[in-house]
N, C-alpha and C. Protein backbone atom coordinates (compact mmCIF):
# COMPACT_ATOMS: atom_id res chain seq x y z
N MET A 1 54.56 161.92 205.01
CA MET A 1 55.37 161.69 204.21
C MET A 1 55.55 160.12 203.71
N LYS A 2 55.50 159.08 202.88
CA LYS A 2 55.63 158.28 202.73
C LYS A 2 56.47 157.47 201.64
N THR A 3 57.32 156.94 202.18
CA THR A 3 59.03 156.09 201.45
C THR A 3 58.55 154.85 201.01
N VAL A 4 58.83 154.61 199.49
CA VAL A 4 59.02 153.09 199.43
C VAL A 4 59.78 152.43 198.81
N ILE A 5 60.37 151.69 199.26
CA ILE A 5 61.47 150.61 199.02
C ILE A 5 61.36 150.18 198.18
N LEU A 6 61.95 149.79 196.52
CA LEU A 6 61.50 148.65 195.69
C LEU A 6 62.81 147.85 195.92
N ALA A 7 62.96 146.75 196.51
CA ALA A 7 63.42 145.67 196.21
C ALA A 7 63.43 144.85 195.09
N GLU A 8 64.50 143.96 194.28
CA GLU A 8 63.90 143.47 193.38
C GLU A 8 63.75 141.69 193.42
N LYS A 9 63.41 141.41 194.61
CA LYS A 9 63.64 140.12 194.60
C LYS A 9 62.94 139.86 196.04
N SER A 10 62.08 138.88 196.80
CA SER A 10 61.64 138.48 198.15
C SER A 10 62.87 138.74 198.62
N SER A 11 63.83 137.62 199.08
CA SER A 11 64.87 137.63 199.28
C SER A 11 65.71 138.91 200.09
N GLN A 12 65.30 139.45 199.27
CA GLN A 12 66.88 141.01 199.07
C GLN A 12 65.19 141.98 200.15
N ALA A 13 63.77 141.98 199.91
CA ALA A 13 63.48 142.67 200.39
C ALA A 13 63.49 142.31 202.42
N ALA A 14 63.56 140.90 202.16
CA ALA A 14 63.41 140.44 203.88
C ALA A 14 64.98 140.66 204.43
N ALA A 15 65.66 140.39 203.67
CA ALA A 15 67.05 141.15 204.72
C ALA A 15 67.27 142.92 204.72
N TYR A 16 65.96 143.49 203.86
CA TYR A 16 66.20 145.06 204.51
C TYR A 16 65.61 145.17 205.46
N ALA A 17 64.27 144.38 205.26
CA ALA A 17 63.22 144.60 206.62
C ALA A 17 64.09 144.40 207.69
N SER A 18 65.12 142.98 207.68
CA SER A 18 65.39 142.75 209.08
C SER A 18 66.41 143.65 209.93
N SER A 19 66.82 144.41 208.73
CA SER A 19 67.88 145.77 209.20
C SER A 19 67.25 146.56 209.80
N PHE A 20 66.52 146.88 210.14
CA PHE A 20 65.41 148.06 210.27
C PHE A 20 65.13 147.36 211.68
N GLN A 21 64.62 148.99 212.97
CA GLN A 21 64.25 148.77 214.19
C GLN A 21 62.65 148.05 214.57
N LYS A 22 61.68 147.85 213.85
CA LYS A 22 60.59 146.92 213.55
C LYS A 22 60.10 146.91 212.13
N LYS A 23 59.52 145.93 212.35
CA LYS A 23 58.78 145.78 210.79
C LYS A 23 57.26 145.05 210.95
N ALA A 24 56.90 144.75 210.03
CA ALA A 24 55.41 144.51 210.15
C ALA A 24 55.05 143.54 208.45
N THR A 25 54.08 142.79 208.79
CA THR A 25 54.27 142.87 207.28
C THR A 25 52.67 142.56 206.72
N VAL A 26 52.02 143.25 205.83
CA VAL A 26 51.12 143.51 205.40
C VAL A 26 50.66 143.52 204.04
N ALA A 27 49.94 142.63 203.52
CA ALA A 27 49.41 142.37 202.18
C ALA A 27 50.53 142.44 201.57
N GLY A 28 51.52 141.60 201.95
CA GLY A 28 52.36 140.90 201.00
C GLY A 28 53.98 142.04 201.52
N ASN A 29 53.26 143.33 201.88
CA ASN A 29 54.74 144.63 201.94
C ASN A 29 54.52 144.05 203.21
N TYR A 30 56.40 144.93 203.73
CA TYR A 30 57.25 144.98 204.91
C TYR A 30 56.50 146.47 205.08
N VAL A 31 56.31 146.82 206.51
CA VAL A 31 55.81 148.65 206.97
C VAL A 31 57.45 149.01 207.93
N ILE A 32 57.70 149.65 207.83
CA ILE A 32 58.98 149.57 208.54
C ILE A 32 59.28 150.92 209.39
N GLN A 33 59.00 151.20 210.53
CA GLN A 33 59.69 151.82 211.67
C GLN A 33 61.17 151.74 212.28
N ASP A 34 61.51 152.88 211.68
CA ASP A 34 63.26 153.24 212.04
C ASP A 34 63.68 154.75 212.03
N SER A 35 64.62 154.88 212.45
CA SER A 35 64.81 156.15 213.46
C SER A 35 65.57 156.97 211.59
N LEU A 36 66.00 155.86 210.79
CA LEU A 36 66.59 156.13 209.28
C LEU A 36 65.46 157.27 208.23
N PHE A 37 64.34 156.91 209.06
CA PHE A 37 63.29 157.25 207.90
C PHE A 37 61.92 157.87 208.91
N ASP A 38 61.05 158.67 208.48
CA ASP A 38 60.21 160.03 208.63
C ASP A 38 58.72 159.41 207.83
N GLY A 39 57.99 158.79 209.02
CA GLY A 39 56.82 159.01 208.44
C GLY A 39 56.51 157.63 207.63
N GLU A 40 55.47 157.36 206.98
CA GLU A 40 55.04 155.83 206.72
C GLU A 40 56.23 155.41 205.25
N THR A 41 56.25 154.19 206.08
CA THR A 41 58.15 153.71 205.32
C THR A 41 56.93 152.23 205.08
N VAL A 42 57.50 151.82 203.61
CA VAL A 42 56.79 150.62 203.10
C VAL A 42 58.15 149.62 201.92
N ILE A 43 58.25 148.80 202.11
CA ILE A 43 59.19 147.73 201.27
C ILE A 43 58.38 146.87 200.52
N VAL A 44 58.01 147.36 198.97
CA VAL A 44 57.67 145.82 198.21
C VAL A 44 59.01 145.67 196.92
N HIS A 45 58.24 144.45 196.46
CA HIS A 45 59.98 143.79 195.16
C HIS A 45 59.19 142.93 194.47
N ALA A 46 59.77 142.83 193.32
CA ALA A 46 59.64 143.07 192.09
C ALA A 46 60.48 141.26 192.27
N SER A 47 59.85 140.61 191.27
CA SER A 47 60.69 138.91 191.49
C SER A 47 60.86 139.37 189.85
N GLY A 48 61.87 139.76 190.00
CA GLY A 48 63.13 139.97 188.49
C GLY A 48 62.51 141.14 187.36
N HIS A 49 62.07 140.76 186.61
CA HIS A 49 61.71 141.50 185.10
C HIS A 49 59.64 141.31 185.47
N LEU A 50 59.47 142.18 185.64
CA LEU A 50 58.11 141.95 186.00
C LEU A 50 57.28 142.13 184.52
N LEU A 51 58.23 143.21 183.18
CA LEU A 51 57.67 143.70 182.13
C LEU A 51 58.83 143.09 181.14
N GLY A 52 58.07 142.81 180.47
CA GLY A 52 58.73 142.64 179.12
C GLY A 52 58.46 143.36 177.64
N LEU A 53 58.99 143.23 176.86
CA LEU A 53 59.20 143.63 175.71
C LEU A 53 57.86 143.41 174.53
N LEU A 54 57.06 143.93 174.35
CA LEU A 54 55.77 143.36 173.42
C LEU A 54 56.34 142.23 172.21
N GLN A 55 55.40 140.99 171.75
CA GLN A 55 56.28 140.55 170.17
C GLN A 55 56.14 141.05 169.00
N PRO A 56 56.19 140.87 168.02
CA PRO A 56 56.23 141.44 166.85
C PRO A 56 54.72 141.90 166.43
N GLU A 57 53.74 140.72 166.34
CA GLU A 57 52.69 140.66 166.00
C GLU A 57 51.83 141.64 167.17
N GLU A 58 52.30 142.00 168.31
CA GLU A 58 51.37 142.79 168.88
C GLU A 58 51.87 143.96 168.94
N TYR A 59 52.65 144.61 167.97
CA TYR A 59 52.98 145.74 167.58
C TYR A 59 51.69 145.83 165.85
N ASP A 60 51.91 145.22 165.16
CA ASP A 60 51.61 144.44 163.57
C ASP A 60 50.89 143.59 163.70
N PRO A 61 49.97 142.85 163.74
CA PRO A 61 49.29 141.67 162.89
C PRO A 61 50.04 141.41 161.92
N LYS A 62 50.39 141.51 161.06
CA LYS A 62 51.09 141.26 159.99
C LYS A 62 52.58 140.59 160.30
N TRP A 63 53.45 140.95 160.84
CA TRP A 63 54.39 140.62 161.74
C TRP A 63 54.38 139.07 162.33
N LYS A 64 53.44 138.50 162.33
CA LYS A 64 52.99 137.48 162.72
C LYS A 64 53.57 135.99 162.26
N LYS A 65 53.18 136.42 161.21
CA LYS A 65 54.06 135.83 159.66
C LYS A 65 55.05 135.91 159.63
N TRP A 66 56.44 134.56 159.36
CA TRP A 66 57.78 134.85 158.98
C TRP A 66 57.82 134.67 157.62
N SER A 67 57.86 136.16 157.40
CA SER A 67 58.47 136.48 155.66
C SER A 67 58.81 137.28 155.40
N LEU A 68 59.65 137.26 154.63
CA LEU A 68 61.26 137.84 154.14
C LEU A 68 60.44 139.18 153.66
N ASP A 69 59.18 139.37 153.38
CA ASP A 69 58.16 140.84 152.50
C ASP A 69 58.59 141.27 154.25
N HIS A 70 58.47 140.84 155.25
CA HIS A 70 57.91 141.91 156.60
C HIS A 70 59.28 141.81 157.40
N LEU A 71 60.77 141.66 157.04
CA LEU A 71 61.66 142.41 157.35
C LEU A 71 62.49 143.21 156.54
N PRO A 72 63.29 144.17 157.63
CA PRO A 72 63.39 144.25 158.81
C PRO A 72 62.34 144.61 159.90
N ILE A 73 62.40 144.15 161.07
CA ILE A 73 61.41 144.46 162.05
C ILE A 73 61.66 145.83 162.84
N PHE A 74 60.91 146.46 162.28
CA PHE A 74 61.74 147.71 163.34
C PHE A 74 60.41 149.02 163.74
N PRO A 75 59.85 148.50 165.18
CA PRO A 75 58.50 149.25 165.57
C PRO A 75 58.82 151.35 165.90
N GLU A 76 58.16 151.73 165.44
CA GLU A 76 58.04 153.03 166.21
C GLU A 76 58.88 153.50 166.83
N SER A 77 58.17 152.22 168.24
CA SER A 77 58.75 152.89 169.40
C SER A 77 58.40 151.34 170.57
N TYR A 78 58.88 151.52 171.28
CA TYR A 78 59.33 149.88 172.13
C TYR A 78 58.02 150.39 173.29
N LYS A 79 57.13 149.11 173.24
CA LYS A 79 56.53 148.84 174.66
C LYS A 79 56.62 147.65 175.47
N TYR A 80 55.67 147.92 176.25
CA TYR A 80 56.49 146.79 177.72
C TYR A 80 54.91 146.23 178.05
N LYS A 81 55.19 144.92 177.99
CA LYS A 81 53.66 144.13 178.88
C LYS A 81 53.67 143.99 180.12
N ILE A 82 53.08 143.22 181.14
CA ILE A 82 53.34 142.65 182.24
C ILE A 82 53.49 141.06 181.77
N GLN A 83 54.90 140.65 182.65
CA GLN A 83 54.84 139.39 181.61
C GLN A 83 53.73 138.09 183.24
N TYR A 84 53.29 137.57 181.90
CA TYR A 84 52.35 136.44 182.31
C TYR A 84 52.62 136.09 183.70
N GLY A 85 51.49 135.68 184.45
CA GLY A 85 51.32 135.93 185.89
C GLY A 85 51.29 136.47 186.97
N LYS A 86 51.76 138.10 186.28
CA LYS A 86 52.50 138.80 187.64
C LYS A 86 51.64 139.86 187.68
N GLY A 87 50.83 139.92 187.07
CA GLY A 87 49.59 141.26 187.26
C GLY A 87 49.68 141.90 188.39
N LYS A 88 48.95 141.02 189.18
CA LYS A 88 49.07 140.69 190.72
C LYS A 88 49.97 141.79 191.62
N GLN A 89 51.22 141.21 191.43
CA GLN A 89 52.24 141.85 191.93
C GLN A 89 52.56 142.53 191.29
N MET A 90 52.68 143.47 189.86
CA MET A 90 52.47 144.43 189.79
C MET A 90 51.78 145.62 190.03
N ALA A 91 50.34 145.04 190.11
CA ALA A 91 49.12 146.33 190.39
C ALA A 91 49.78 146.77 192.33
N ASN A 92 49.98 145.35 193.03
CA ASN A 92 50.34 145.90 194.38
C ASN A 92 51.76 147.08 194.62
N ILE A 93 52.83 146.63 193.52
CA ILE A 93 53.51 147.39 193.41
C ILE A 93 53.32 148.86 192.94
N LYS A 94 52.78 148.83 191.79
CA LYS A 94 52.36 149.97 190.91
C LYS A 94 51.31 150.95 192.12
N GLN A 95 50.67 150.35 192.87
CA GLN A 95 49.66 151.57 193.81
C GLN A 95 50.49 152.29 195.15
N GLN A 96 51.64 150.89 195.35
CA GLN A 96 52.39 151.83 196.57
C GLN A 96 52.97 152.96 196.31
N LEU A 97 53.73 152.84 194.57
CA LEU A 97 54.69 153.70 194.15
C LEU A 97 53.59 154.93 193.65
N LYS A 98 52.75 155.20 193.72
CA LYS A 98 51.33 156.12 193.03
C LYS A 98 51.22 156.63 194.62
N GLU A 99 51.62 156.35 195.44
CA GLU A 99 51.00 156.59 196.72
C GLU A 99 52.56 157.44 197.45
N ALA A 100 53.49 156.97 196.95
CA ALA A 100 54.70 157.81 197.66
C ALA A 100 54.46 159.34 196.91
N ASP A 101 55.77 159.23 198.16
CA ASP A 101 56.13 160.99 198.19
C ASP A 101 57.99 160.76 197.71
N ARG A 102 58.19 159.52 198.28
CA ARG A 102 59.76 159.43 198.23
C ARG A 102 59.69 157.98 197.16
N ILE A 103 61.03 157.75 196.19
CA ILE A 103 60.62 156.36 195.92
C ILE A 103 62.50 155.75 195.65
N ILE A 104 63.30 154.89 196.88
CA ILE A 104 64.49 154.23 197.32
C ILE A 104 64.37 152.98 196.24
N ILE A 105 64.99 153.60 194.90
CA ILE A 105 65.54 152.27 194.37
C ILE A 105 66.26 151.45 195.04
N ALA A 106 66.55 149.96 195.76
CA ALA A 106 67.41 149.09 196.10
C ALA A 106 66.99 147.80 195.52
N THR A 107 67.05 147.60 193.80
CA THR A 107 66.96 146.37 193.59
C THR A 107 68.89 146.59 193.36
N ASP A 108 69.17 145.73 192.40
CA ASP A 108 70.76 144.85 192.63
C ASP A 108 71.67 146.05 191.87
N SER A 109 72.95 146.52 192.42
CA SER A 109 73.83 147.69 192.32
C SER A 109 74.03 147.31 191.18
N ASP A 110 73.81 147.23 190.31
CA ASP A 110 73.82 146.86 188.03
C ASP A 110 73.09 146.99 187.06
N ARG A 111 73.63 147.30 186.39
CA ARG A 111 73.07 147.83 185.26
C ARG A 111 71.18 147.19 185.10
N GLU A 112 71.18 145.69 185.07
CA GLU A 112 69.88 145.08 185.22
C GLU A 112 68.73 145.89 186.16
N GLY A 113 69.54 145.54 187.62
CA GLY A 113 68.60 146.67 188.57
C GLY A 113 68.15 147.27 188.50
N GLU A 114 69.15 148.14 188.16
CA GLU A 114 68.77 149.40 187.90
C GLU A 114 67.40 149.78 186.45
N ASN A 115 67.15 148.51 185.84
CA ASN A 115 66.71 148.83 184.37
C ASN A 115 65.45 147.54 184.82
N ILE A 116 65.30 147.17 185.58
CA ILE A 116 63.89 146.48 186.58
C ILE A 116 63.32 147.65 187.20
N ALA A 117 63.62 147.79 188.08
CA ALA A 117 63.59 149.32 188.96
C ALA A 117 62.78 150.60 188.02
N ARG A 118 63.55 151.06 187.22
CA ARG A 118 62.90 152.12 186.25
C ARG A 118 61.72 151.70 185.37
N SER A 119 61.99 150.25 184.51
CA SER A 119 60.88 150.37 183.83
C SER A 119 59.47 149.53 184.99
N ILE A 120 59.68 149.43 186.12
CA ILE A 120 58.42 148.88 186.92
C ILE A 120 58.06 150.93 186.84
N ILE A 121 58.86 151.43 187.77
CA ILE A 121 58.62 152.47 188.12
C ILE A 121 57.83 153.84 186.45
N ARG A 122 58.54 153.36 185.38
CA ARG A 122 57.82 153.78 184.40
C ARG A 122 56.74 153.53 184.11
N HIS A 123 55.98 152.45 184.63
CA HIS A 123 54.71 151.76 183.87
C HIS A 123 53.83 152.26 185.14
N ALA A 124 54.82 152.22 186.14
CA ALA A 124 53.96 152.92 187.24
C ALA A 124 53.03 154.60 187.20
N GLY A 125 54.14 155.51 186.20
CA GLY A 125 53.50 156.25 186.14
C GLY A 125 54.41 157.47 187.61
N ALA A 126 55.44 156.86 187.83
CA ALA A 126 55.83 157.05 189.03
C ALA A 126 56.91 157.87 189.14
N GLU A 127 57.60 158.30 187.57
CA GLU A 127 58.81 158.39 187.59
C GLU A 127 59.12 160.32 187.61
N LYS A 128 58.42 160.96 188.19
CA LYS A 128 58.61 162.42 188.94
C LYS A 128 58.57 162.63 190.15
N LYS A 129 58.48 161.58 190.72
CA LYS A 129 58.53 161.30 192.63
C LYS A 129 59.91 162.12 192.46
N GLU A 130 60.15 161.75 193.94
CA GLU A 130 61.52 161.92 194.52
C GLU A 130 62.27 160.84 194.43
N MET A 131 63.34 160.34 193.88
CA MET A 131 63.99 159.17 193.97
C MET A 131 65.40 159.33 194.21
N LYS A 132 66.02 158.36 195.72
CA LYS A 132 67.09 157.77 195.44
C LYS A 132 67.70 156.65 195.24
N ARG A 133 68.86 156.44 195.70
CA ARG A 133 69.46 154.99 195.15
C ARG A 133 70.55 153.98 195.84
N LEU A 134 69.77 153.70 196.77
CA LEU A 134 70.08 152.48 197.67
C LEU A 134 71.54 151.80 196.93
N TRP A 135 73.16 152.00 197.18
CA TRP A 135 73.86 150.97 196.43
C TRP A 135 74.80 150.89 197.05
N ILE A 136 74.77 148.92 197.19
CA ILE A 136 75.49 148.32 197.82
C ILE A 136 75.60 147.01 197.73
N ASN A 137 77.26 146.67 198.02
CA ASN A 137 77.03 145.00 198.06
C ASN A 137 77.46 144.10 198.71
N SER A 138 76.52 144.58 199.70
CA SER A 138 76.33 143.27 200.18
C SER A 138 74.72 143.62 201.59
N LEU A 139 74.51 142.32 201.67
CA LEU A 139 72.96 142.03 202.42
C LEU A 139 73.32 141.98 203.99
N GLU A 140 74.53 142.15 204.28
CA GLU A 140 74.88 142.42 205.37
C GLU A 140 74.17 143.58 206.58
N SER A 141 73.16 143.31 207.53
CA SER A 141 72.62 144.22 208.45
C SER A 141 73.44 146.02 208.59
N ASN A 142 74.73 145.95 208.82
CA ASN A 142 75.63 147.11 209.06
C ASN A 142 75.59 147.74 207.99
N GLU A 143 75.92 146.69 206.72
CA GLU A 143 76.40 147.02 205.31
C GLU A 143 74.92 148.02 205.11
N ILE A 144 73.72 147.48 205.30
CA ILE A 144 72.08 148.60 204.43
C ILE A 144 71.97 149.05 205.31
N ARG A 145 72.27 149.37 206.67
CA ARG A 145 71.98 150.65 207.55
C ARG A 145 72.95 151.65 206.69
N ARG A 146 74.25 151.35 206.16
CA ARG A 146 75.18 152.02 205.95
C ARG A 146 74.77 153.25 204.77
N GLY A 147 74.03 152.42 203.99
CA GLY A 147 73.50 152.64 202.83
C GLY A 147 72.24 153.38 202.75
N PHE A 148 71.50 152.92 203.79
CA PHE A 148 70.75 153.48 203.89
C PHE A 148 70.31 155.53 204.14
N THR A 149 71.70 155.21 204.53
CA THR A 149 72.08 156.82 205.55
C THR A 149 72.91 157.48 204.40
N GLU A 150 73.43 156.49 203.38
CA GLU A 150 74.35 157.40 201.99
C GLU A 150 73.56 157.40 201.11
N LEU A 151 72.23 157.41 200.98
CA LEU A 151 71.81 156.87 199.32
C LEU A 151 72.00 158.18 198.66
N LEU A 152 72.08 157.70 197.13
CA LEU A 152 72.54 158.23 195.98
C LEU A 152 71.38 159.50 195.53
N ASP A 153 71.49 160.35 195.04
CA ASP A 153 70.86 160.92 194.16
C ASP A 153 69.99 159.87 192.46
N GLY A 154 68.85 159.83 192.70
CA GLY A 154 68.06 159.06 191.95
C GLY A 154 68.83 159.29 190.53
N GLU A 155 69.37 160.69 190.19
CA GLU A 155 70.02 160.91 188.46
C GLU A 155 71.38 160.45 188.43
N ASP A 156 71.91 159.64 189.41
CA ASP A 156 73.49 159.22 189.67
C ASP A 156 73.48 158.29 189.00
N THR A 157 72.43 157.27 188.43
CA THR A 157 72.00 156.11 188.27
C THR A 157 71.35 155.59 186.76
N TYR A 158 70.85 156.80 186.43
CA TYR A 158 69.91 156.78 185.61
C TYR A 158 70.62 156.27 184.17
N PRO A 159 71.48 156.58 183.39
CA PRO A 159 72.61 155.90 182.66
C PRO A 159 72.16 154.94 183.12
N SER A 160 72.64 154.02 183.52
CA SER A 160 72.45 152.45 183.64
C SER A 160 71.90 151.84 183.08
N TYR A 161 70.22 152.98 183.38
CA TYR A 161 68.84 152.52 182.90
C TYR A 161 69.08 152.42 181.17
N ILE A 162 69.20 153.52 181.39
CA ILE A 162 69.41 154.01 179.47
C ILE A 162 70.23 152.31 178.66
N GLU A 163 71.53 152.65 179.69
CA GLU A 163 72.40 151.44 179.17
C GLU A 163 72.08 149.92 178.85
N ALA A 164 71.41 149.52 179.88
CA ALA A 164 70.29 148.46 179.63
C ALA A 164 69.22 148.48 179.02
N GLN A 165 68.54 149.57 179.30
CA GLN A 165 67.55 149.58 178.03
C GLN A 165 68.00 149.42 176.56
N SER A 166 68.79 149.81 176.30
CA SER A 166 69.85 149.88 175.07
C SER A 166 69.77 148.58 174.44
N ARG A 167 70.29 147.83 175.75
CA ARG A 167 71.05 145.89 174.70
C ARG A 167 69.50 145.45 175.24
N GLU A 168 68.61 145.92 176.24
CA GLU A 168 67.51 144.67 175.80
C GLU A 168 66.82 145.06 174.00
N ILE A 169 66.69 146.22 174.00
CA ILE A 169 66.54 146.55 172.55
C ILE A 169 67.08 145.69 171.53
N ALA A 170 68.21 145.93 171.62
CA ALA A 170 69.24 145.26 170.92
C ALA A 170 69.03 144.29 170.09
N ASP A 171 68.81 143.25 171.69
CA ASP A 171 68.62 141.89 171.55
C ASP A 171 67.24 141.49 171.44
N TRP A 172 66.44 142.42 171.26
CA TRP A 172 65.49 142.14 170.51
C TRP A 172 64.89 142.32 168.84
N LEU A 173 66.03 143.11 168.64
CA LEU A 173 65.97 143.38 166.96
C LEU A 173 66.56 142.43 166.87
N VAL A 174 67.58 141.72 167.64
CA VAL A 174 68.43 140.85 166.59
C VAL A 174 68.10 139.73 166.72
N GLY A 175 67.43 139.16 167.87
CA GLY A 175 66.56 137.96 167.79
C GLY A 175 65.67 138.00 166.99
N MET A 176 64.43 138.70 166.98
CA MET A 176 63.49 138.98 166.27
C MET A 176 63.32 139.27 164.76
N ASN A 177 64.33 139.54 164.21
CA ASN A 177 64.98 140.16 162.83
C ASN A 177 65.95 138.67 162.19
N LEU A 178 67.02 138.00 163.05
CA LEU A 178 68.03 137.68 162.32
C LEU A 178 67.45 135.71 162.05
N SER A 179 66.62 136.03 163.93
CA SER A 179 66.18 134.38 163.55
C SER A 179 64.97 134.19 162.76
N ARG A 180 64.35 134.99 162.37
CA ARG A 180 63.24 134.61 160.77
C ARG A 180 64.24 134.70 159.86
N LEU A 181 65.25 135.35 159.62
CA LEU A 181 66.33 136.20 158.71
C LEU A 181 66.91 134.37 158.27
N TYR A 182 67.40 133.67 159.33
CA TYR A 182 68.17 132.85 159.08
C TYR A 182 67.24 131.74 159.08
N THR A 183 66.21 131.26 159.50
CA THR A 183 64.96 130.32 159.37
C THR A 183 64.80 130.25 158.27
N ILE A 184 64.37 131.43 157.22
CA ILE A 184 63.69 131.37 155.93
C ILE A 184 64.56 131.19 155.23
N ALA A 185 65.93 131.39 155.25
CA ALA A 185 66.91 131.15 154.30
C ALA A 185 67.20 129.73 154.27
N LEU A 186 67.17 129.15 155.55
CA LEU A 186 67.82 127.96 155.54
C LEU A 186 66.90 126.74 155.60
N GLN A 187 65.42 127.37 155.65
CA GLN A 187 64.24 125.89 154.54
C GLN A 187 64.55 126.12 153.39
N LYS A 188 64.65 127.78 152.87
CA LYS A 188 64.61 127.12 151.58
C LYS A 188 65.90 126.59 151.36
N ALA A 189 66.74 126.27 151.74
CA ALA A 189 68.03 125.79 151.38
C ALA A 189 67.36 124.09 151.61
N GLY A 190 66.66 123.87 152.20
CA GLY A 190 66.40 122.55 152.07
C GLY A 190 66.47 122.17 153.93
N ILE A 191 66.33 122.86 154.60
CA ILE A 191 66.85 122.40 156.28
C ILE A 191 65.56 122.54 156.60
N LYS A 192 64.93 121.79 157.38
CA LYS A 192 63.21 121.80 157.53
C LYS A 192 63.68 121.05 159.10
N GLU A 193 64.41 121.78 160.01
CA GLU A 193 64.06 121.68 161.15
C GLU A 193 62.95 122.86 162.68
N GLY A 194 62.90 123.14 162.41
CA GLY A 194 61.79 124.35 162.44
C GLY A 194 62.47 125.40 162.48
N ALA A 195 62.37 126.67 163.97
CA ALA A 195 63.27 127.57 164.32
C ALA A 195 64.63 127.69 164.34
N PHE A 196 65.25 128.79 164.10
CA PHE A 196 66.36 128.50 164.55
C PHE A 196 66.73 129.82 165.10
N SER A 197 66.81 129.83 166.31
CA SER A 197 67.38 130.83 166.90
C SER A 197 68.60 131.83 166.80
N VAL A 198 68.74 133.10 167.36
CA VAL A 198 69.87 133.74 166.75
C VAL A 198 69.84 134.49 167.84
N GLY A 199 70.71 134.98 168.65
CA GLY A 199 70.96 136.08 169.74
C GLY A 199 72.20 136.75 169.85
N ARG A 200 72.21 137.77 170.14
CA ARG A 200 72.81 139.04 169.98
C ARG A 200 74.65 138.21 170.54
N VAL A 201 74.11 137.55 172.11
CA VAL A 201 75.26 137.69 172.74
C VAL A 201 74.90 135.60 172.39
N GLN A 202 74.04 134.97 172.46
CA GLN A 202 73.64 133.73 172.04
C GLN A 202 74.64 132.84 171.34
N THR A 203 74.50 133.63 170.08
CA THR A 203 75.15 133.28 168.82
C THR A 203 76.90 133.31 168.63
N PRO A 204 77.64 134.34 168.64
CA PRO A 204 78.63 134.54 168.58
C PRO A 204 79.49 133.40 170.04
N THR A 205 78.76 133.06 171.58
CA THR A 205 79.05 132.57 172.12
C THR A 205 79.25 130.89 171.81
N LEU A 206 77.60 130.38 171.42
CA LEU A 206 77.96 129.21 170.80
C LEU A 206 78.89 128.70 169.71
N PHE A 207 79.07 129.84 169.18
CA PHE A 207 80.53 129.60 167.52
C PHE A 207 81.65 129.34 168.18
N MET A 208 81.48 130.42 169.67
CA MET A 208 83.17 130.25 170.39
C MET A 208 83.28 128.88 170.87
N ILE A 209 82.45 128.44 171.28
CA ILE A 209 82.36 126.69 172.16
C ILE A 209 82.53 125.55 170.92
N TYR A 210 81.94 125.67 169.88
CA TYR A 210 81.22 124.59 168.75
C TYR A 210 83.42 125.00 168.23
N LYS A 211 84.00 126.19 167.57
CA LYS A 211 85.13 126.33 167.89
C LYS A 211 86.80 125.66 168.30
N ARG A 212 85.89 126.07 169.64
CA ARG A 212 86.99 125.53 170.83
C ARG A 212 87.06 123.55 170.84
N MET A 213 85.77 122.86 170.79
CA MET A 213 85.46 121.93 170.50
C MET A 213 86.09 120.80 169.12
N LYS A 214 86.33 121.80 168.44
CA LYS A 214 86.85 121.68 166.64
C LYS A 214 88.63 121.50 167.10
N GLU A 215 88.78 122.28 167.83
CA GLU A 215 90.36 122.58 168.11
C GLU A 215 90.78 121.30 169.28
N ILE A 216 89.52 121.06 169.65
CA ILE A 216 89.98 119.77 170.94
C ILE A 216 89.90 118.18 169.96
N THR A 217 88.93 117.71 169.52
CA THR A 217 88.79 116.69 168.13
C THR A 217 89.88 116.71 167.26
N ALA A 218 90.81 117.86 166.97
CA ALA A 218 91.33 118.18 165.84
C ALA A 218 92.78 117.88 166.93
N PHE A 219 92.71 117.69 167.95
CA PHE A 219 94.30 118.04 168.59
C PHE A 219 94.87 116.72 168.40
N GLN A 220 96.34 116.73 168.10
CA GLN A 220 97.43 115.50 167.80
C GLN A 220 97.99 115.75 168.89
N GLU A 221 98.64 114.56 169.35
CA GLU A 221 99.60 114.46 170.44
C GLU A 221 101.15 114.46 170.39
N GLU A 222 101.71 115.30 170.53
CA GLU A 222 103.03 115.25 170.60
C GLU A 222 103.89 115.20 171.27
N THR A 223 105.31 114.52 170.84
CA THR A 223 106.41 114.62 172.13
C THR A 223 107.09 115.26 171.96
């Protein structure tokens, strides 16, 4: 039986490996021997998000041109590609996941950690493998070992992936559509300052900062 532990980053993978009885580095991965596991055990790691949503023009060439006639942009389905420079790393992880009998998701214990792991597993075509989830809040050795003895079932945290993916798509839709809409509208109004970025979180946050600065500027001292 082969177990593959998927970490989110190299430092996390190193902390896990240091908590086990024996470790060796082979082709950039940690090969583990420990009483916690039966059979071959390998730790692989990502470096944050290895996959990203396609750009509009990668769905349809007409979306390359910024035009009101082409808005709104709504792909029939949302597709991902390997981020620039991450192909070799992704190929290594994909190969290990395809060989695995069991996958332990050991990315950060939060929504984005779940998204990173599940996106990689989905891209590798390994979704039907036996899935477990490490859920810890510390990289102390005793906490790591406790977590690996109390693994959650993969289905327990799957909703976090759906939530994160929905957020990711919402960010994409707001950014791709409203950035183009406002840029075109402002250019027609005579403002030729290049592209204007609009974001689901970025724009309201920026307005809050602007509003607060206006309050500070208009502050009048009182006795």
